[in-house]
N, C-alpha and C. Protein backbone atom coordinates (compact mmCIF):
# COMPACT_ATOMS: atom_id res chain seq x y z
N MET A 1 -18.26 -10.50 -9.72
CA MET A 1 -18.69 -9.33 -10.46
C MET A 1 -18.27 -8.07 -9.71
N SER A 2 -18.00 -7.05 -10.46
CA SER A 2 -17.61 -5.77 -9.88
C SER A 2 -18.84 -5.01 -9.37
N TYR A 3 -18.62 -3.80 -8.94
CA TYR A 3 -19.69 -2.91 -8.49
C TYR A 3 -19.37 -1.52 -9.02
N VAL A 4 -20.40 -0.77 -9.42
CA VAL A 4 -20.20 0.53 -10.06
C VAL A 4 -21.04 1.60 -9.37
N ASP A 5 -20.41 2.71 -9.04
CA ASP A 5 -21.13 3.91 -8.63
C ASP A 5 -21.23 4.81 -9.85
N GLY A 6 -22.44 5.31 -10.14
CA GLY A 6 -22.63 6.19 -11.27
C GLY A 6 -23.19 7.54 -10.82
N TYR A 7 -22.79 8.60 -11.54
CA TYR A 7 -23.18 9.97 -11.20
C TYR A 7 -23.55 10.71 -12.47
N VAL A 8 -24.54 11.57 -12.39
CA VAL A 8 -24.91 12.46 -13.49
C VAL A 8 -25.14 13.83 -12.88
N LEU A 9 -24.55 14.87 -13.49
CA LEU A 9 -24.68 16.22 -12.94
C LEU A 9 -24.54 17.27 -14.03
N PRO A 10 -25.15 18.43 -13.80
CA PRO A 10 -24.99 19.54 -14.74
C PRO A 10 -23.82 20.42 -14.33
N VAL A 11 -23.03 20.84 -15.31
CA VAL A 11 -21.90 21.73 -15.04
C VAL A 11 -21.96 22.89 -16.01
N PRO A 12 -21.90 24.12 -15.52
CA PRO A 12 -21.84 25.25 -16.45
C PRO A 12 -20.64 25.09 -17.39
N LYS A 13 -20.86 25.35 -18.66
CA LYS A 13 -19.78 25.19 -19.64
C LYS A 13 -18.56 26.01 -19.27
N SER A 14 -18.78 27.15 -18.64
CA SER A 14 -17.66 28.00 -18.23
C SER A 14 -16.86 27.41 -17.07
N ASN A 15 -17.39 26.36 -16.43
CA ASN A 15 -16.72 25.75 -15.28
C ASN A 15 -16.13 24.37 -15.59
N ILE A 16 -16.14 23.98 -16.85
CA ILE A 16 -15.65 22.63 -17.19
C ILE A 16 -14.20 22.44 -16.75
N GLU A 17 -13.35 23.42 -17.00
CA GLU A 17 -11.94 23.25 -16.63
C GLU A 17 -11.78 23.17 -15.12
N LYS A 18 -12.51 23.98 -14.37
CA LYS A 18 -12.46 23.91 -12.90
C LYS A 18 -12.97 22.56 -12.43
N TYR A 19 -14.05 22.07 -13.05
CA TYR A 19 -14.58 20.76 -12.70
C TYR A 19 -13.55 19.67 -13.00
N ARG A 20 -12.90 19.76 -14.15
CA ARG A 20 -11.88 18.78 -14.52
C ARG A 20 -10.76 18.74 -13.47
N GLU A 21 -10.37 19.89 -12.98
CA GLU A 21 -9.30 19.96 -11.99
C GLU A 21 -9.68 19.24 -10.69
N ILE A 22 -10.89 19.53 -10.18
CA ILE A 22 -11.28 18.87 -8.92
C ILE A 22 -11.58 17.39 -9.15
N ALA A 23 -12.14 17.05 -10.32
CA ALA A 23 -12.41 15.63 -10.62
C ALA A 23 -11.11 14.85 -10.72
N THR A 24 -10.09 15.45 -11.28
CA THR A 24 -8.78 14.78 -11.38
C THR A 24 -8.21 14.54 -9.99
N LYS A 25 -8.29 15.53 -9.12
CA LYS A 25 -7.82 15.36 -7.74
C LYS A 25 -8.63 14.28 -7.02
N ALA A 26 -9.95 14.35 -7.15
CA ALA A 26 -10.81 13.37 -6.48
C ALA A 26 -10.55 11.97 -7.02
N GLY A 27 -10.40 11.86 -8.33
CA GLY A 27 -10.15 10.55 -8.94
C GLY A 27 -8.87 9.92 -8.43
N LYS A 28 -7.85 10.73 -8.27
CA LYS A 28 -6.58 10.20 -7.74
C LYS A 28 -6.76 9.68 -6.32
N ILE A 29 -7.58 10.37 -5.55
CA ILE A 29 -7.84 9.93 -4.17
C ILE A 29 -8.62 8.62 -4.18
N TRP A 30 -9.66 8.51 -5.03
CA TRP A 30 -10.42 7.26 -5.12
C TRP A 30 -9.52 6.11 -5.53
N ARG A 31 -8.69 6.34 -6.54
CA ARG A 31 -7.78 5.28 -7.01
C ARG A 31 -6.77 4.91 -5.93
N GLU A 32 -6.25 5.90 -5.23
CA GLU A 32 -5.29 5.64 -4.16
C GLU A 32 -5.90 4.76 -3.07
N HIS A 33 -7.19 4.93 -2.83
CA HIS A 33 -7.86 4.15 -1.79
C HIS A 33 -8.44 2.84 -2.31
N GLY A 34 -8.22 2.54 -3.60
CA GLY A 34 -8.58 1.20 -4.08
C GLY A 34 -9.55 1.10 -5.23
N ALA A 35 -10.15 2.19 -5.69
CA ALA A 35 -11.07 2.10 -6.82
C ALA A 35 -10.32 1.55 -8.04
N LEU A 36 -10.97 0.70 -8.81
CA LEU A 36 -10.34 0.08 -9.98
C LEU A 36 -10.32 1.02 -11.19
N GLU A 37 -11.38 1.78 -11.37
CA GLU A 37 -11.48 2.74 -12.47
C GLU A 37 -12.20 3.98 -11.97
N TYR A 38 -11.87 5.10 -12.57
CA TYR A 38 -12.53 6.37 -12.25
C TYR A 38 -12.66 7.13 -13.56
N ARG A 39 -13.88 7.41 -14.00
CA ARG A 39 -14.11 8.08 -15.28
C ARG A 39 -15.05 9.27 -15.10
N GLU A 40 -14.71 10.37 -15.74
CA GLU A 40 -15.55 11.57 -15.80
C GLU A 40 -15.72 11.88 -17.28
N CYS A 41 -16.96 11.94 -17.74
CA CYS A 41 -17.23 12.10 -19.16
C CYS A 41 -18.16 13.29 -19.39
N VAL A 42 -17.82 14.13 -20.37
CA VAL A 42 -18.65 15.29 -20.70
C VAL A 42 -19.55 14.93 -21.89
N ALA A 43 -20.78 15.41 -21.86
CA ALA A 43 -21.74 15.10 -22.92
C ALA A 43 -21.21 15.55 -24.27
N ASP A 44 -21.38 14.66 -25.25
CA ASP A 44 -20.95 14.95 -26.61
C ASP A 44 -22.10 14.75 -27.58
N ASP A 45 -22.92 13.74 -27.33
CA ASP A 45 -24.07 13.43 -28.19
C ASP A 45 -25.25 13.12 -27.28
N VAL A 46 -25.75 14.15 -26.62
CA VAL A 46 -26.83 14.00 -25.63
C VAL A 46 -27.92 15.00 -25.96
N LYS A 47 -29.07 14.48 -26.34
CA LYS A 47 -30.18 15.35 -26.72
C LYS A 47 -31.32 15.22 -25.72
N SER A 48 -32.15 16.24 -25.65
CA SER A 48 -33.35 16.17 -24.81
C SER A 48 -34.33 15.20 -25.46
N GLY A 49 -34.96 14.42 -24.63
CA GLY A 49 -35.93 13.45 -25.13
C GLY A 49 -37.34 13.99 -25.03
N GLU A 50 -38.29 13.20 -25.49
CA GLU A 50 -39.69 13.58 -25.39
C GLU A 50 -40.24 13.27 -24.01
N VAL A 51 -39.74 12.21 -23.40
CA VAL A 51 -40.22 11.79 -22.09
C VAL A 51 -39.16 12.00 -21.02
N THR A 52 -37.94 11.51 -21.30
CA THR A 52 -36.85 11.66 -20.34
C THR A 52 -35.51 11.64 -21.07
N SER A 53 -34.50 12.16 -20.43
CA SER A 53 -33.15 12.21 -21.00
C SER A 53 -32.20 12.73 -19.94
N PHE A 54 -30.92 12.67 -20.23
CA PHE A 54 -29.94 13.23 -19.31
C PHE A 54 -30.19 14.72 -19.08
N PRO A 55 -30.38 15.53 -20.13
CA PRO A 55 -30.64 16.96 -19.89
C PRO A 55 -31.88 17.20 -19.02
N GLN A 56 -32.93 16.46 -19.28
CA GLN A 56 -34.15 16.64 -18.49
C GLN A 56 -33.94 16.20 -17.04
N ALA A 57 -33.19 15.14 -16.85
CA ALA A 57 -32.99 14.59 -15.51
C ALA A 57 -32.29 15.58 -14.59
N VAL A 58 -31.38 16.41 -15.15
CA VAL A 58 -30.64 17.37 -14.32
C VAL A 58 -31.17 18.79 -14.48
N LYS A 59 -32.30 18.93 -15.18
CA LYS A 59 -32.88 20.25 -15.44
C LYS A 59 -31.83 21.18 -16.05
N LEU A 60 -31.21 20.69 -17.13
CA LEU A 60 -30.11 21.38 -17.78
C LEU A 60 -30.51 22.78 -18.26
N LYS A 61 -29.65 23.75 -17.98
CA LYS A 61 -29.84 25.12 -18.44
C LYS A 61 -29.04 25.32 -19.72
N ASP A 62 -29.35 26.38 -20.46
CA ASP A 62 -28.71 26.62 -21.77
C ASP A 62 -27.19 26.73 -21.69
N ASP A 63 -26.68 27.24 -20.59
CA ASP A 63 -25.23 27.45 -20.48
C ASP A 63 -24.51 26.29 -19.79
N GLU A 64 -25.17 25.13 -19.69
CA GLU A 64 -24.61 23.98 -19.00
C GLU A 64 -24.44 22.78 -19.93
N THR A 65 -23.68 21.82 -19.46
CA THR A 65 -23.55 20.53 -20.12
C THR A 65 -23.69 19.44 -19.08
N VAL A 66 -23.86 18.22 -19.53
CA VAL A 66 -24.04 17.09 -18.62
C VAL A 66 -22.70 16.35 -18.45
N ILE A 67 -22.41 15.98 -17.22
CA ILE A 67 -21.28 15.13 -16.90
C ILE A 67 -21.83 13.78 -16.44
N PHE A 68 -21.29 12.72 -17.01
CA PHE A 68 -21.62 11.36 -16.61
C PHE A 68 -20.34 10.75 -16.06
N SER A 69 -20.39 10.25 -14.83
CA SER A 69 -19.20 9.73 -14.18
C SER A 69 -19.48 8.35 -13.60
N TYR A 70 -18.42 7.56 -13.53
CA TYR A 70 -18.58 6.28 -12.86
C TYR A 70 -17.25 5.82 -12.25
N ILE A 71 -17.39 5.06 -11.18
CA ILE A 71 -16.25 4.50 -10.46
C ILE A 71 -16.49 3.00 -10.33
N VAL A 72 -15.48 2.21 -10.65
CA VAL A 72 -15.61 0.75 -10.60
C VAL A 72 -14.84 0.21 -9.39
N PHE A 73 -15.48 -0.74 -8.72
CA PHE A 73 -14.92 -1.38 -7.53
C PHE A 73 -14.95 -2.89 -7.70
N GLU A 74 -14.24 -3.61 -6.83
CA GLU A 74 -14.22 -5.07 -6.88
C GLU A 74 -15.59 -5.67 -6.55
N SER A 75 -16.29 -5.04 -5.60
CA SER A 75 -17.56 -5.55 -5.10
C SER A 75 -18.27 -4.44 -4.33
N ARG A 76 -19.49 -4.70 -3.91
CA ARG A 76 -20.21 -3.73 -3.09
C ARG A 76 -19.47 -3.49 -1.77
N GLN A 77 -19.00 -4.56 -1.17
CA GLN A 77 -18.25 -4.42 0.09
C GLN A 77 -16.99 -3.58 -0.13
N HIS A 78 -16.28 -3.85 -1.21
CA HIS A 78 -15.07 -3.08 -1.53
C HIS A 78 -15.43 -1.62 -1.73
N ARG A 79 -16.53 -1.35 -2.42
CA ARG A 79 -16.98 0.03 -2.64
C ARG A 79 -17.24 0.73 -1.32
N ASP A 80 -17.92 0.05 -0.41
CA ASP A 80 -18.23 0.66 0.89
C ASP A 80 -16.95 0.96 1.66
N GLU A 81 -15.98 0.05 1.60
CA GLU A 81 -14.70 0.26 2.29
C GLU A 81 -13.92 1.42 1.67
N VAL A 82 -13.84 1.45 0.34
CA VAL A 82 -13.12 2.52 -0.35
C VAL A 82 -13.78 3.86 -0.08
N ASN A 83 -15.11 3.92 -0.23
CA ASN A 83 -15.80 5.19 -0.03
C ASN A 83 -15.67 5.71 1.39
N ALA A 84 -15.63 4.82 2.37
CA ALA A 84 -15.43 5.25 3.77
C ALA A 84 -14.06 5.92 3.91
N LYS A 85 -13.04 5.34 3.29
CA LYS A 85 -11.70 5.93 3.34
C LYS A 85 -11.67 7.27 2.61
N VAL A 86 -12.29 7.31 1.44
CA VAL A 86 -12.31 8.54 0.64
C VAL A 86 -13.02 9.66 1.40
N MET A 87 -14.17 9.37 1.97
CA MET A 87 -14.96 10.40 2.64
C MET A 87 -14.26 10.92 3.91
N SER A 88 -13.34 10.14 4.47
CA SER A 88 -12.61 10.62 5.64
C SER A 88 -11.25 11.21 5.27
N ASP A 89 -10.94 11.24 3.99
CA ASP A 89 -9.65 11.78 3.54
C ASP A 89 -9.72 13.31 3.58
N PRO A 90 -8.85 13.95 4.35
CA PRO A 90 -8.92 15.42 4.49
C PRO A 90 -8.64 16.19 3.20
N ARG A 91 -8.05 15.54 2.21
CA ARG A 91 -7.78 16.22 0.93
C ARG A 91 -9.06 16.55 0.17
N LEU A 92 -10.16 15.90 0.53
CA LEU A 92 -11.44 16.17 -0.14
C LEU A 92 -12.20 17.33 0.51
N ASN A 93 -11.83 17.70 1.73
CA ASN A 93 -12.60 18.70 2.47
C ASN A 93 -12.88 19.98 1.68
N ASP A 94 -11.86 20.55 1.08
CA ASP A 94 -12.07 21.82 0.37
C ASP A 94 -12.91 21.63 -0.89
N MET A 95 -12.93 20.42 -1.45
CA MET A 95 -13.72 20.17 -2.66
C MET A 95 -15.18 19.88 -2.34
N MET A 96 -15.51 19.56 -1.10
CA MET A 96 -16.86 19.14 -0.73
C MET A 96 -17.75 20.29 -0.27
N ASP A 97 -17.21 21.48 -0.18
CA ASP A 97 -18.00 22.64 0.25
C ASP A 97 -18.93 23.06 -0.89
N PRO A 98 -20.25 22.96 -0.68
CA PRO A 98 -21.20 23.31 -1.75
C PRO A 98 -21.00 24.72 -2.32
N LYS A 99 -20.49 25.63 -1.51
CA LYS A 99 -20.30 27.00 -1.97
C LYS A 99 -19.17 27.12 -2.98
N SER A 100 -18.22 26.18 -2.95
CA SER A 100 -17.08 26.26 -3.86
C SER A 100 -17.16 25.28 -5.02
N MET A 101 -18.20 24.46 -5.05
CA MET A 101 -18.34 23.49 -6.14
C MET A 101 -18.67 24.21 -7.44
N PRO A 102 -18.09 23.77 -8.56
CA PRO A 102 -18.36 24.42 -9.85
C PRO A 102 -19.62 23.91 -10.54
N PHE A 103 -20.56 23.39 -9.76
CA PHE A 103 -21.83 22.89 -10.30
C PHE A 103 -22.88 22.92 -9.21
N ASP A 104 -24.14 22.74 -9.60
CA ASP A 104 -25.25 22.73 -8.66
C ASP A 104 -25.47 21.30 -8.16
N GLY A 105 -24.96 21.01 -6.97
CA GLY A 105 -25.05 19.68 -6.41
C GLY A 105 -26.47 19.21 -6.14
N LYS A 106 -27.41 20.13 -6.06
CA LYS A 106 -28.80 19.74 -5.81
C LYS A 106 -29.42 19.05 -7.02
N ARG A 107 -28.82 19.26 -8.21
CA ARG A 107 -29.35 18.63 -9.43
C ARG A 107 -28.52 17.42 -9.86
N MET A 108 -27.60 17.01 -9.01
CA MET A 108 -26.79 15.83 -9.25
C MET A 108 -27.55 14.60 -8.75
N PHE A 109 -27.41 13.48 -9.46
CA PHE A 109 -27.97 12.25 -8.93
C PHE A 109 -26.96 11.12 -9.12
N TRP A 110 -27.10 10.09 -8.28
CA TRP A 110 -26.13 9.01 -8.27
C TRP A 110 -26.75 7.75 -7.70
N GLY A 111 -26.02 6.65 -7.87
CA GLY A 111 -26.46 5.40 -7.30
C GLY A 111 -25.42 4.32 -7.50
N GLY A 112 -25.58 3.21 -6.78
CA GLY A 112 -24.70 2.06 -6.89
C GLY A 112 -25.37 0.98 -7.73
N PHE A 113 -24.57 0.30 -8.55
CA PHE A 113 -25.11 -0.66 -9.50
C PHE A 113 -24.31 -1.96 -9.50
N SER A 114 -25.04 -3.08 -9.54
CA SER A 114 -24.43 -4.38 -9.70
C SER A 114 -24.52 -4.76 -11.18
N PRO A 115 -23.39 -4.94 -11.83
CA PRO A 115 -23.42 -5.30 -13.25
C PRO A 115 -24.14 -6.63 -13.48
N ILE A 116 -24.84 -6.72 -14.58
CA ILE A 116 -25.46 -7.99 -14.97
C ILE A 116 -24.77 -8.59 -16.19
N VAL A 117 -23.93 -7.79 -16.86
CA VAL A 117 -23.10 -8.27 -17.96
C VAL A 117 -21.75 -7.60 -17.84
N GLU A 118 -20.70 -8.38 -17.90
CA GLU A 118 -19.32 -7.85 -17.93
C GLU A 118 -18.57 -8.62 -19.00
N LEU A 119 -18.13 -7.93 -20.02
CA LEU A 119 -17.42 -8.58 -21.13
C LEU A 119 -15.99 -8.08 -21.21
């Protein structure tokens, strides 16, 4: 079974193109270091819920949208190896500075997941 890292974050609508640019660069780096898939998805049909939802989870503001991202790896071990290479890749340095990020990283959340169904 594969392994998946998932991310959810708020991005100001005015920064979508800037976010797309850095996500494209980052995705190429992840793929170069071995990730099987790299996807960045912008909310299209995401509503606030009564109890919980993507907008509520990131404390979405009126001028923002939700990004849902995931990266697929061969296994948890493969993910750890790939991420170690990615995090030491100097091409990411300028993208990792919180002051230059086109979103509020404090409202981003992520985690690693072991699939229970793969079709």
